[in-house]
Each structure stands twice: as C-alpha cells, then as structure tokens.
C-alpha cells in the first residue's frame, strides 16, 4: 500500500521530532563527565588546622614533587640505562606516573592541572569535580542531604600498583618488610602511612 504524500511527510516529521526530543532529553539528563580538579582548589576546604592541614601535608610529601624528580640525575640515569632518547620529563612512559591525568596516547595532561604539581589529589581520590560540587552544596546548606564522601575514591592496593610495580625504574624488591620478615617491593599499608594526610575528625584514614 502506498501512503499519500501528505501522510508520509507527516510521519517523517513526527519521527524526526521524536528523535530530536530524545536526543535533547538524553543530553540534558545524562550525568556530567567527571573532571580532575586542581589540588590548589582542594586546598580551600582541605587545609584547616583542626582538620589536619591535609593539603599542606600532601605538599610536603613525595607525590607533590613527582614531576620534579624526572629532572634529576637519577631519573636521567634510569633513562640512559633503558636506551630512552628523550628526557624523562618528556617521555610519556615516565610522565604517566608522575603527573595526574597524563594521557600517554595524546601526550597531554588535563589543561586545568599543572604538571609541576606532580601526583595531585585526583590520582588517588579520583576526578574530583562531583565531590567539589557536593562540597559547595554543603557550604551553602549545612543541612543538605549530601554524602560528601560518595564521589570520593578511596585508594587501595590495586590503584597504587598501577605505578608502584616492577616496571618502575626505582623499584626496589626489598623496600618493605612484612610481619613475616619477607621482603617486598610494595606494601599498601606501610606505604599509606608514609603519605597519610588524615582528617582527625573523620573515621576514614585517607
């Protein structure tokens, strides 16, 4: 059966309108993409003296100086031993574990972050845009029904060993000693104590 032209055009218009509406609804209602947050912005809420000055503690630890270490003679020695022709600070395989959010494929890092700040909050706690949004809501309304930790990643061993593993040039298989006396290159519990920046008012340890 052949449809009259007016009916066919009407059906096409209805289908097209429905598709446009669905696309618009999906775009409007989909979850916003999470983004990394510069650690300097984290400082506004996470550096109060009575909460452990977490930003200051992080800044005093090795993670914040991770990118800086790529300019050291030691880093260059590791590169020379592996036949790497480019400086460590420009070698993606090196930079990926020394700069938060670095993409080896595109050889770039999130534009809102500074490479010189090394391994920032987002490397261990996840992309913080949603967490920061939750924090802003609580600052405006302290009675708001918001779990400020819901969008904050809690680091674990699996996350840490993506960089702290035998592929890392400084890897020392005997760096940590377990309770059994056995030596190991990485132990999460012991490593966590080294970088711990705990808020004494909260139960979480990170």
N, C-alpha and C. Protein backbone atom coordinates (compact mmCIF):
# COMPACT_ATOMS: atom_id res chain seq x y z
N UNK A 1 0.85 -1.19 0.00
CA UNK A 1 0.00 0.00 0.00
C UNK A 1 0.89 1.24 0.00
N UNK A 2 0.58 2.19 -0.86
CA UNK A 2 1.35 3.41 -0.93
C UNK A 2 0.66 4.50 -0.11
N UNK A 3 1.45 5.16 0.74
CA UNK A 3 0.91 6.24 1.57
C UNK A 3 0.76 7.51 0.73
N UNK A 4 -0.30 8.25 0.95
CA UNK A 4 -0.40 9.57 0.31
C UNK A 4 0.78 10.43 0.76
N UNK A 5 1.23 11.31 -0.13
CA UNK A 5 2.41 12.12 0.18
C UNK A 5 2.25 12.93 1.46
N UNK A 6 1.09 13.47 1.70
CA UNK A 6 0.90 14.31 2.89
C UNK A 6 1.04 13.49 4.17
N UNK A 7 0.53 12.22 4.11
CA UNK A 7 0.64 11.34 5.27
C UNK A 7 2.10 10.95 5.50
N UNK A 8 2.79 10.62 4.41
CA UNK A 8 4.20 10.22 4.52
C UNK A 8 5.05 11.34 5.10
N UNK A 9 4.82 12.56 4.63
CA UNK A 9 5.58 13.69 5.14
C UNK A 9 5.27 13.95 6.61
N UNK A 10 4.02 13.74 6.98
CA UNK A 10 3.63 13.94 8.38
C UNK A 10 4.32 12.93 9.28
N UNK A 11 4.36 11.66 8.83
CA UNK A 11 5.02 10.62 9.61
C UNK A 11 6.52 10.91 9.75
N UNK A 12 7.14 11.35 8.67
CA UNK A 12 8.57 11.68 8.71
C UNK A 12 8.84 12.81 9.70
N UNK A 13 7.95 13.80 9.68
CA UNK A 13 8.12 14.94 10.60
C UNK A 13 7.98 14.50 12.04
N UNK A 14 7.02 13.59 12.31
CA UNK A 14 6.81 13.10 13.68
C UNK A 14 8.02 12.31 14.16
N UNK A 15 8.54 11.43 13.29
CA UNK A 15 9.70 10.61 13.64
C UNK A 15 10.92 11.49 13.92
N UNK A 16 11.13 12.49 13.03
CA UNK A 16 12.27 13.38 13.20
C UNK A 16 12.16 14.17 14.49
N UNK A 17 10.97 14.65 14.80
CA UNK A 17 10.76 15.43 16.02
C UNK A 17 11.00 14.58 17.25
N UNK A 18 10.55 13.31 17.19
CA UNK A 18 10.74 12.40 18.32
C UNK A 18 12.22 12.13 18.56
N UNK A 19 12.95 11.91 17.46
CA UNK A 19 14.39 11.66 17.59
C UNK A 19 15.12 12.86 18.17
N UNK A 20 14.76 14.06 17.73
CA UNK A 20 15.37 15.27 18.25
C UNK A 20 15.06 15.45 19.72
N UNK A 21 13.81 15.18 20.10
CA UNK A 21 13.41 15.32 21.51
C UNK A 21 14.17 14.33 22.38
N UNK A 22 14.29 13.07 21.90
CA UNK A 22 15.01 12.06 22.66
C UNK A 22 16.48 12.45 22.84
N UNK A 23 17.08 12.98 21.77
CA UNK A 23 18.48 13.39 21.84
C UNK A 23 18.65 14.53 22.83
N UNK A 24 17.73 15.49 22.78
CA UNK A 24 17.82 16.63 23.69
C UNK A 24 17.61 16.19 25.12
N UNK A 25 16.67 15.28 25.35
CA UNK A 25 16.40 14.79 26.71
C UNK A 25 17.60 14.05 27.27
N UNK A 26 18.22 13.20 26.41
CA UNK A 26 19.39 12.43 26.84
C UNK A 26 20.54 13.36 27.21
N UNK A 27 20.77 14.37 26.36
CA UNK A 27 21.87 15.28 26.62
C UNK A 27 21.64 16.07 27.90
N UNK A 28 20.39 16.44 28.15
CA UNK A 28 20.07 17.25 29.32
C UNK A 28 20.14 16.46 30.61
N UNK A 29 19.79 15.17 30.54
CA UNK A 29 19.65 14.38 31.74
C UNK A 29 20.81 13.43 32.00
N UNK A 30 21.76 13.32 31.10
CA UNK A 30 22.88 12.42 31.34
C UNK A 30 23.81 12.99 32.40
N UNK A 31 24.52 12.11 33.08
CA UNK A 31 25.45 12.52 34.12
C UNK A 31 26.59 13.34 33.51
N UNK A 32 26.93 14.46 34.11
CA UNK A 32 28.05 15.24 33.58
C UNK A 32 29.35 14.48 33.73
N UNK A 33 30.24 14.65 32.75
CA UNK A 33 31.52 13.95 32.78
C UNK A 33 32.35 14.47 33.96
N UNK A 34 32.92 13.55 34.70
CA UNK A 34 33.76 13.95 35.83
C UNK A 34 35.09 14.51 35.33
N UNK A 35 35.56 15.53 35.99
CA UNK A 35 36.81 16.16 35.60
C UNK A 35 37.77 16.23 36.78
N UNK A 36 39.05 16.27 36.46
CA UNK A 36 40.04 16.45 37.52
C UNK A 36 39.96 17.88 38.06
N UNK A 37 40.31 18.02 39.32
CA UNK A 37 40.29 19.33 39.98
C UNK A 37 41.71 19.65 40.44
N UNK A 38 42.15 20.86 40.18
CA UNK A 38 43.47 21.29 40.61
C UNK A 38 43.56 21.21 42.13
N UNK A 39 44.65 20.67 42.63
CA UNK A 39 44.83 20.49 44.07
C UNK A 39 44.76 21.82 44.83
N UNK A 40 45.09 22.91 44.14
CA UNK A 40 45.01 24.22 44.79
C UNK A 40 43.57 24.58 45.16
N UNK A 41 42.61 24.05 44.39
CA UNK A 41 41.21 24.27 44.73
C UNK A 41 40.79 23.39 45.90
N UNK A 42 41.38 22.21 45.99
CA UNK A 42 41.10 21.32 47.13
C UNK A 42 41.53 21.98 48.44
N UNK A 43 42.56 22.81 48.32
CA UNK A 43 43.14 23.47 49.50
C UNK A 43 42.12 24.31 50.26
N UNK A 44 41.15 24.88 49.55
CA UNK A 44 40.18 25.76 50.19
C UNK A 44 39.41 25.05 51.31
N UNK A 45 39.12 23.79 51.13
CA UNK A 45 38.36 23.04 52.15
C UNK A 45 39.21 22.07 52.94
N UNK A 46 40.36 21.70 52.39
CA UNK A 46 41.14 20.63 52.99
C UNK A 46 42.49 21.09 53.52
N UNK A 47 42.49 22.25 54.16
CA UNK A 47 43.75 22.68 54.76
C UNK A 47 43.53 23.39 56.09
N UNK A 48 42.41 23.09 56.73
CA UNK A 48 42.11 23.72 58.02
C UNK A 48 42.96 23.07 59.12
N UNK A 49 43.53 23.88 60.00
CA UNK A 49 44.39 23.34 61.07
C UNK A 49 43.70 22.26 61.91
N UNK A 50 42.42 22.46 62.24
CA UNK A 50 41.74 21.48 63.09
C UNK A 50 41.35 20.23 62.33
N UNK A 51 41.58 20.21 61.00
CA UNK A 51 41.28 19.03 60.20
C UNK A 51 42.54 18.39 59.63
N UNK A 52 43.67 18.74 60.21
CA UNK A 52 44.91 18.07 59.83
C UNK A 52 45.71 18.72 58.74
N UNK A 53 45.28 19.90 58.25
CA UNK A 53 46.02 20.59 57.19
C UNK A 53 46.43 19.62 56.08
N UNK A 54 45.45 18.93 55.52
CA UNK A 54 45.72 17.86 54.57
C UNK A 54 46.49 18.32 53.33
N UNK A 55 46.15 19.49 52.82
CA UNK A 55 46.86 20.00 51.64
C UNK A 55 48.33 20.23 51.95
N UNK A 56 48.61 20.84 53.09
CA UNK A 56 50.00 21.13 53.47
C UNK A 56 50.78 19.84 53.65
N UNK A 57 50.15 18.83 54.23
CA UNK A 57 50.82 17.54 54.41
C UNK A 57 51.13 16.92 53.05
N UNK A 58 50.13 16.92 52.15
CA UNK A 58 50.37 16.39 50.80
C UNK A 58 51.51 17.14 50.11
N UNK A 59 51.52 18.44 50.25
CA UNK A 59 52.53 19.27 49.60
C UNK A 59 53.93 18.96 50.11
N UNK A 60 54.01 18.46 51.34
CA UNK A 60 55.32 18.15 51.93
C UNK A 60 55.82 16.75 51.57
N UNK A 61 54.98 15.97 50.91
CA UNK A 61 55.33 14.58 50.60
C UNK A 61 55.81 14.44 49.15
N UNK A 62 56.31 13.26 48.86
CA UNK A 62 56.91 12.98 47.56
C UNK A 62 55.98 13.07 46.37
N UNK A 63 54.70 12.75 46.55
CA UNK A 63 53.77 12.78 45.42
C UNK A 63 53.71 14.15 44.77
N UNK A 64 53.72 15.20 45.59
CA UNK A 64 53.62 16.56 45.03
C UNK A 64 54.87 16.94 44.23
N UNK A 65 55.96 16.24 44.47
CA UNK A 65 57.22 16.54 43.76
C UNK A 65 57.56 15.47 42.72
N UNK A 66 56.58 14.67 42.36
CA UNK A 66 56.83 13.55 41.45
C UNK A 66 57.35 14.00 40.10
N UNK A 67 56.78 15.05 39.52
CA UNK A 67 57.25 15.52 38.21
C UNK A 67 58.66 16.10 38.31
N UNK A 68 58.91 16.77 39.40
CA UNK A 68 60.22 17.38 39.64
C UNK A 68 61.33 16.33 39.61
N UNK A 69 61.05 15.13 40.10
CA UNK A 69 62.08 14.08 40.15
C UNK A 69 62.54 13.64 38.77
N UNK A 70 61.72 13.88 37.75
CA UNK A 70 62.09 13.48 36.39
C UNK A 70 63.23 14.33 35.83
N UNK A 71 63.56 15.41 36.50
CA UNK A 71 64.67 16.27 36.05
C UNK A 71 65.97 15.93 36.79
N UNK A 72 65.92 14.94 37.67
CA UNK A 72 67.09 14.60 38.48
C UNK A 72 68.10 13.77 37.68
N UNK A 73 69.32 13.74 38.17
CA UNK A 73 70.36 12.91 37.55
C UNK A 73 69.99 11.43 37.65
N UNK A 74 69.32 11.08 38.74
CA UNK A 74 68.92 9.68 38.93
C UNK A 74 67.94 9.26 37.84
N UNK A 75 66.97 10.13 37.54
CA UNK A 75 65.99 9.82 36.50
C UNK A 75 66.68 9.69 35.14
N UNK A 76 67.62 10.58 34.87
CA UNK A 76 68.35 10.52 33.60
C UNK A 76 69.18 9.24 33.52
N UNK A 77 69.72 8.81 34.63
CA UNK A 77 70.50 7.57 34.67
C UNK A 77 69.60 6.38 34.32
N UNK A 78 68.40 6.35 34.88
CA UNK A 78 67.46 5.28 34.56
C UNK A 78 67.12 5.30 33.07
N UNK A 79 66.93 6.49 32.52
CA UNK A 79 66.59 6.61 31.10
C UNK A 79 67.74 6.12 30.22
N UNK A 80 68.95 6.50 30.57
CA UNK A 80 70.12 6.08 29.79
C UNK A 80 70.27 4.56 29.82
N UNK A 81 70.03 3.96 30.98
CA UNK A 81 70.17 2.50 31.11
C UNK A 81 69.15 1.76 30.26
N UNK A 82 68.05 2.40 29.97
CA UNK A 82 66.99 1.77 29.17
C UNK A 82 66.98 2.23 27.72
N UNK A 83 67.97 3.00 27.36
CA UNK A 83 68.09 3.44 25.98
C UNK A 83 67.05 4.46 25.55
N UNK A 84 66.49 5.17 26.51
CA UNK A 84 65.48 6.19 26.20
C UNK A 84 66.20 7.43 25.69
N UNK A 85 65.80 7.91 24.52
CA UNK A 85 66.50 9.01 23.86
C UNK A 85 65.99 10.39 24.29
N UNK A 86 64.77 10.45 24.79
CA UNK A 86 64.19 11.73 25.20
C UNK A 86 64.37 11.94 26.70
N UNK A 87 64.39 13.18 27.16
CA UNK A 87 64.49 13.44 28.60
C UNK A 87 63.32 12.79 29.33
N UNK A 88 63.53 12.28 30.54
CA UNK A 88 62.44 11.64 31.29
C UNK A 88 61.20 12.52 31.42
N UNK A 89 61.40 13.83 31.55
CA UNK A 89 60.27 14.75 31.72
C UNK A 89 59.44 14.90 30.45
N UNK A 90 59.94 14.36 29.33
CA UNK A 90 59.21 14.43 28.06
C UNK A 90 58.91 13.03 27.51
N UNK A 91 59.17 12.02 28.32
CA UNK A 91 58.93 10.64 27.90
C UNK A 91 57.60 10.15 28.50
N UNK A 92 56.59 9.89 27.67
CA UNK A 92 55.26 9.51 28.16
C UNK A 92 55.29 8.36 29.16
N UNK A 93 56.13 7.35 28.89
CA UNK A 93 56.19 6.20 29.78
C UNK A 93 56.64 6.58 31.18
N UNK A 94 57.37 7.68 31.30
CA UNK A 94 57.81 8.17 32.60
C UNK A 94 56.78 9.12 33.20
N UNK A 95 56.31 10.04 32.38
CA UNK A 95 55.42 11.10 32.86
C UNK A 95 54.08 10.54 33.36
N UNK A 96 53.62 9.43 32.80
CA UNK A 96 52.30 8.91 33.14
C UNK A 96 52.10 8.65 34.62
N UNK A 97 53.18 8.33 35.33
CA UNK A 97 53.07 8.07 36.77
C UNK A 97 53.60 9.23 37.62
N UNK A 98 53.91 10.33 36.97
CA UNK A 98 54.46 11.47 37.69
C UNK A 98 53.59 12.72 37.55
N UNK A 99 52.53 12.61 36.74
CA UNK A 99 51.62 13.74 36.53
C UNK A 99 50.18 13.21 36.51
N UNK A 100 49.33 13.76 37.31
CA UNK A 100 47.93 13.32 37.39
C UNK A 100 47.21 13.50 36.05
N UNK A 101 46.53 12.44 35.62
CA UNK A 101 45.70 12.51 34.42
C UNK A 101 46.44 12.51 33.11
N UNK A 102 47.75 12.25 33.14
CA UNK A 102 48.52 12.29 31.90
C UNK A 102 48.08 11.18 30.96
N UNK A 103 47.87 11.52 29.68
CA UNK A 103 47.42 10.58 28.67
C UNK A 103 48.60 10.23 27.77
N UNK A 104 49.03 8.98 27.82
CA UNK A 104 50.18 8.55 27.03
C UNK A 104 49.91 8.66 25.54
N UNK A 105 48.68 8.37 25.13
CA UNK A 105 48.33 8.38 23.70
C UNK A 105 48.42 9.78 23.11
N UNK A 106 47.83 10.76 23.81
CA UNK A 106 47.83 12.13 23.30
C UNK A 106 49.02 12.94 23.78
N UNK A 107 49.78 12.35 24.71
CA UNK A 107 50.93 13.03 25.30
C UNK A 107 50.53 14.38 25.90
N UNK A 108 49.45 14.35 26.63
CA UNK A 108 48.96 15.60 27.22
C UNK A 108 48.36 15.33 28.59
N UNK A 109 48.18 16.39 29.36
CA UNK A 109 47.57 16.28 30.67
C UNK A 109 46.36 17.21 30.72
N UNK A 110 45.44 17.02 31.66
CA UNK A 110 44.27 17.90 31.75
C UNK A 110 44.70 19.36 31.86
N UNK A 111 44.11 20.20 31.04
CA UNK A 111 44.56 21.60 30.96
C UNK A 111 44.37 22.36 32.27
N UNK A 112 43.45 21.89 33.12
CA UNK A 112 43.21 22.60 34.38
C UNK A 112 44.24 22.23 35.45
N UNK A 113 45.10 21.27 35.16
CA UNK A 113 46.12 20.85 36.11
C UNK A 113 47.49 21.37 35.69
N UNK A 114 48.37 21.48 36.65
CA UNK A 114 49.74 21.92 36.39
C UNK A 114 50.68 20.73 36.55
N UNK A 115 51.47 20.46 35.54
CA UNK A 115 52.36 19.31 35.58
C UNK A 115 53.32 19.38 36.77
N UNK A 116 53.75 20.59 37.09
CA UNK A 116 54.72 20.77 38.18
C UNK A 116 54.16 20.34 39.53
N UNK A 117 52.85 20.20 39.64
CA UNK A 117 52.25 19.76 40.91
C UNK A 117 52.23 18.24 41.05
N UNK A 118 52.79 17.55 40.06
CA UNK A 118 53.00 16.11 40.17
C UNK A 118 51.76 15.27 40.34
N UNK A 119 51.83 14.36 41.29
CA UNK A 119 50.72 13.45 41.58
C UNK A 119 49.78 14.16 42.55
N UNK A 120 48.71 14.70 41.99
CA UNK A 120 47.78 15.50 42.77
C UNK A 120 46.67 14.64 43.39
N UNK A 121 45.73 15.30 44.01
CA UNK A 121 44.64 14.63 44.72
C UNK A 121 43.89 13.63 43.84
N UNK A 122 43.66 14.02 42.57
CA UNK A 122 42.87 13.18 41.68
C UNK A 122 43.46 11.84 41.37
N UNK A 123 44.78 11.69 41.46
CA UNK A 123 45.40 10.40 41.17
C UNK A 123 44.95 9.32 42.14
N UNK A 124 44.77 9.70 43.40
CA UNK A 124 44.40 8.74 44.44
C UNK A 124 42.93 8.78 44.82
N UNK A 125 42.33 9.97 44.71
CA UNK A 125 40.94 10.13 45.16
C UNK A 125 39.94 10.26 44.02
N UNK A 126 40.42 10.17 42.77
CA UNK A 126 39.52 10.22 41.64
C UNK A 126 39.27 11.64 41.15
N UNK A 127 38.62 11.74 40.01
CA UNK A 127 38.28 13.05 39.43
C UNK A 127 37.31 13.74 40.37
N UNK A 128 37.73 14.89 40.86
CA UNK A 128 37.02 15.49 41.99
C UNK A 128 35.92 16.48 41.71
N UNK A 129 35.50 16.64 40.45
CA UNK A 129 34.51 17.67 40.14
C UNK A 129 33.18 17.45 40.86
N UNK A 130 32.72 16.19 40.93
CA UNK A 130 31.45 15.91 41.63
C UNK A 130 31.60 16.10 43.13
N UNK A 131 32.73 15.69 43.67
CA UNK A 131 32.99 15.88 45.10
C UNK A 131 33.01 17.36 45.45
N UNK A 132 33.64 18.16 44.60
CA UNK A 132 33.70 19.59 44.85
C UNK A 132 32.31 20.22 44.77
N UNK A 133 31.49 19.75 43.83
CA UNK A 133 30.12 20.25 43.70
C UNK A 133 29.31 19.92 44.96
N UNK A 134 29.51 18.70 45.48
CA UNK A 134 28.83 18.32 46.73
C UNK A 134 29.26 19.22 47.87
N UNK A 135 30.55 19.52 47.92
CA UNK A 135 31.07 20.37 48.98
C UNK A 135 30.48 21.77 48.93
N UNK A 136 30.29 22.29 47.71
CA UNK A 136 29.71 23.63 47.57
C UNK A 136 28.27 23.65 48.08
N UNK A 137 27.54 22.57 47.82
CA UNK A 137 26.15 22.49 48.30
C UNK A 137 26.12 22.52 49.81
N UNK A 138 27.02 21.77 50.43
CA UNK A 138 27.06 21.72 51.89
C UNK A 138 27.48 23.06 52.49
N UNK A 139 28.34 23.77 51.80
CA UNK A 139 28.75 25.08 52.32
C UNK A 139 27.59 26.07 52.29
N UNK A 140 26.72 25.91 51.31
CA UNK A 140 25.55 26.79 51.20
C UNK A 140 24.44 26.36 52.15
N UNK A 141 24.36 25.04 52.37
CA UNK A 141 23.30 24.50 53.23
C UNK A 141 23.86 23.32 54.01
N UNK A 142 24.22 23.56 55.25
CA UNK A 142 24.85 22.52 56.07
C UNK A 142 23.90 21.37 56.40
N UNK A 143 22.61 21.59 56.21
CA UNK A 143 21.62 20.55 56.49
C UNK A 143 21.26 19.75 55.24
N UNK A 144 21.92 20.03 54.14
CA UNK A 144 21.61 19.33 52.89
C UNK A 144 21.89 17.83 53.03
N UNK A 145 21.04 17.04 52.39
CA UNK A 145 21.18 15.58 52.44
C UNK A 145 22.22 15.14 51.41
N UNK A 146 23.49 15.40 51.72
CA UNK A 146 24.59 15.11 50.80
C UNK A 146 25.65 14.28 51.52
N UNK A 147 26.03 13.17 50.88
CA UNK A 147 27.15 12.38 51.40
C UNK A 147 28.40 12.88 50.67
N UNK A 148 29.17 13.71 51.33
CA UNK A 148 30.30 14.36 50.67
C UNK A 148 31.39 13.36 50.29
N UNK A 149 31.34 12.15 50.84
CA UNK A 149 32.35 11.13 50.51
C UNK A 149 31.90 10.22 49.36
N UNK A 150 30.64 10.36 48.94
CA UNK A 150 30.09 9.45 47.94
C UNK A 150 30.85 9.51 46.62
N UNK A 151 31.31 10.68 46.24
CA UNK A 151 32.01 10.85 44.97
C UNK A 151 33.52 11.00 45.16
N UNK A 152 34.00 10.44 46.25
CA UNK A 152 35.44 10.50 46.54
C UNK A 152 35.99 9.08 46.56
N UNK A 153 36.93 8.82 45.69
CA UNK A 153 37.52 7.48 45.61
C UNK A 153 38.43 7.21 46.79
N UNK A 154 38.33 6.02 47.33
CA UNK A 154 39.24 5.61 48.39
C UNK A 154 40.32 4.73 47.78
N UNK A 155 41.58 5.18 47.82
CA UNK A 155 42.65 4.41 47.18
C UNK A 155 42.86 3.06 47.82
N UNK A 156 43.26 2.09 47.01
CA UNK A 156 43.56 0.76 47.53
C UNK A 156 44.82 0.23 46.84
N UNK A 157 45.18 -0.98 47.17
CA UNK A 157 46.41 -1.57 46.65
C UNK A 157 46.40 -1.64 45.13
N UNK A 158 45.27 -2.03 44.54
CA UNK A 158 45.19 -2.17 43.09
C UNK A 158 45.45 -0.85 42.37
N UNK A 159 45.01 0.23 42.96
CA UNK A 159 45.26 1.54 42.37
C UNK A 159 46.74 1.89 42.45
N UNK A 160 47.33 1.67 43.60
CA UNK A 160 48.73 2.06 43.82
C UNK A 160 49.70 1.29 42.92
N UNK A 161 49.44 0.00 42.73
CA UNK A 161 50.40 -0.81 41.98
C UNK A 161 50.34 -0.56 40.47
N UNK A 162 49.45 0.31 40.02
CA UNK A 162 49.49 0.68 38.61
C UNK A 162 50.77 1.47 38.32
N UNK A 163 51.34 2.07 39.35
CA UNK A 163 52.61 2.79 39.18
C UNK A 163 53.72 2.20 40.04
N UNK A 164 53.39 1.75 41.22
CA UNK A 164 54.39 1.19 42.12
C UNK A 164 54.52 -0.31 41.85
N UNK A 165 55.26 -0.64 40.80
CA UNK A 165 55.40 -2.03 40.37
C UNK A 165 56.78 -2.23 39.74
N UNK A 166 57.15 -3.46 39.42
CA UNK A 166 58.49 -3.74 38.89
C UNK A 166 58.84 -3.01 37.60
N UNK A 167 57.85 -2.48 36.88
CA UNK A 167 58.14 -1.74 35.65
C UNK A 167 58.72 -0.36 35.96
N UNK A 168 58.56 0.09 37.20
CA UNK A 168 59.08 1.40 37.59
C UNK A 168 60.58 1.30 37.81
N UNK A 169 61.38 2.14 37.16
CA UNK A 169 62.85 2.07 37.29
C UNK A 169 63.37 2.08 38.73
N UNK A 170 62.79 2.89 39.64
CA UNK A 170 63.34 2.89 41.01
C UNK A 170 62.90 1.70 41.86
N UNK A 171 62.19 0.76 41.25
CA UNK A 171 61.64 -0.37 42.00
C UNK A 171 62.71 -1.10 42.80
N UNK A 172 62.43 -1.25 44.09
CA UNK A 172 63.33 -1.99 44.98
C UNK A 172 62.54 -3.16 45.57
N UNK A 173 62.82 -4.38 45.16
CA UNK A 173 62.04 -5.54 45.61
C UNK A 173 62.14 -5.82 47.10
N UNK A 174 63.02 -5.10 47.79
CA UNK A 174 63.20 -5.32 49.23
C UNK A 174 62.92 -4.05 50.04
N UNK A 175 62.15 -3.16 49.47
CA UNK A 175 61.91 -1.87 50.13
C UNK A 175 61.15 -2.01 51.44
N UNK A 176 60.15 -2.90 51.46
CA UNK A 176 59.31 -3.07 52.65
C UNK A 176 59.50 -4.46 53.26
N UNK A 177 59.36 -4.51 54.57
CA UNK A 177 59.46 -5.79 55.28
C UNK A 177 58.10 -6.12 55.88
N UNK A 178 57.57 -7.29 55.53
CA UNK A 178 56.28 -7.72 56.06
C UNK A 178 56.45 -8.29 57.47
N UNK A 179 55.34 -8.48 58.15
CA UNK A 179 55.38 -9.01 59.52
C UNK A 179 56.06 -10.37 59.57
N UNK A 180 55.95 -11.11 58.46
CA UNK A 180 56.56 -12.44 58.39
C UNK A 180 58.08 -12.37 58.23
N UNK A 181 58.58 -11.15 57.98
CA UNK A 181 60.01 -11.00 57.73
C UNK A 181 60.34 -11.01 56.25
N UNK A 182 59.36 -11.34 55.44
CA UNK A 182 59.57 -11.39 53.99
C UNK A 182 59.72 -9.97 53.43
N UNK A 183 60.58 -9.82 52.45
CA UNK A 183 60.79 -8.54 51.80
C UNK A 183 59.87 -8.41 50.58
N UNK A 184 59.43 -7.19 50.31
CA UNK A 184 58.56 -6.95 49.16
C UNK A 184 58.80 -5.54 48.64
N UNK A 185 58.54 -5.36 47.37
CA UNK A 185 58.75 -4.05 46.75
C UNK A 185 57.69 -3.03 47.09
N UNK A 186 56.49 -3.51 47.44
CA UNK A 186 55.42 -2.59 47.80
C UNK A 186 54.47 -3.25 48.78
N UNK A 187 54.13 -2.51 49.81
CA UNK A 187 53.14 -2.96 50.78
C UNK A 187 52.18 -1.80 51.04
N UNK A 188 50.95 -1.98 50.69
CA UNK A 188 49.98 -0.88 50.73
C UNK A 188 49.88 -0.23 52.11
N UNK A 189 49.74 -1.04 53.13
CA UNK A 189 49.53 -0.49 54.48
C UNK A 189 50.72 0.35 54.94
N UNK A 190 51.92 -0.12 54.67
CA UNK A 190 53.11 0.64 55.08
C UNK A 190 53.29 1.89 54.23
N UNK A 191 53.01 1.76 52.93
CA UNK A 191 53.15 2.91 52.04
C UNK A 191 52.13 3.99 52.39
N UNK A 192 50.93 3.57 52.77
CA UNK A 192 49.87 4.52 53.13
C UNK A 192 50.29 5.38 54.32
N UNK A 193 50.96 4.77 55.27
CA UNK A 193 51.39 5.52 56.46
C UNK A 193 52.39 6.61 56.10
N UNK A 194 53.16 6.39 55.05
CA UNK A 194 54.17 7.37 54.65
C UNK A 194 53.51 8.64 54.10
N UNK A 195 52.41 8.47 53.36
CA UNK A 195 51.78 9.62 52.71
C UNK A 195 50.50 10.07 53.42
N UNK A 196 50.19 9.48 54.55
CA UNK A 196 48.91 9.72 55.23
C UNK A 196 48.69 11.20 55.52
N UNK A 197 47.51 11.69 55.15
CA UNK A 197 47.11 13.06 55.46
C UNK A 197 45.69 13.01 56.02
N UNK A 198 45.58 12.47 57.18
CA UNK A 198 44.30 12.13 57.79
C UNK A 198 43.62 13.34 58.42
N UNK A 199 42.30 13.36 58.27
CA UNK A 199 41.47 14.32 58.99
C UNK A 199 41.12 13.68 60.33
N UNK A 200 41.62 14.19 61.44
CA UNK A 200 41.40 13.56 62.75
C UNK A 200 39.94 13.54 63.19
N UNK A 201 39.10 14.31 62.50
CA UNK A 201 37.69 14.37 62.88
C UNK A 201 36.83 13.35 62.14
N UNK A 202 37.45 12.58 61.23
CA UNK A 202 36.69 11.62 60.45
C UNK A 202 37.28 10.23 60.59
N UNK A 203 36.43 9.24 60.37
CA UNK A 203 36.84 7.85 60.58
C UNK A 203 37.76 7.36 59.47
N UNK A 204 37.59 7.90 58.26
CA UNK A 204 38.40 7.42 57.14
C UNK A 204 39.87 7.77 57.35
N UNK A 205 40.74 6.95 56.80
CA UNK A 205 42.18 7.12 57.01
C UNK A 205 42.87 7.78 55.83
N UNK A 206 42.14 8.32 54.85
CA UNK A 206 42.81 8.90 53.70
C UNK A 206 42.24 10.27 53.39
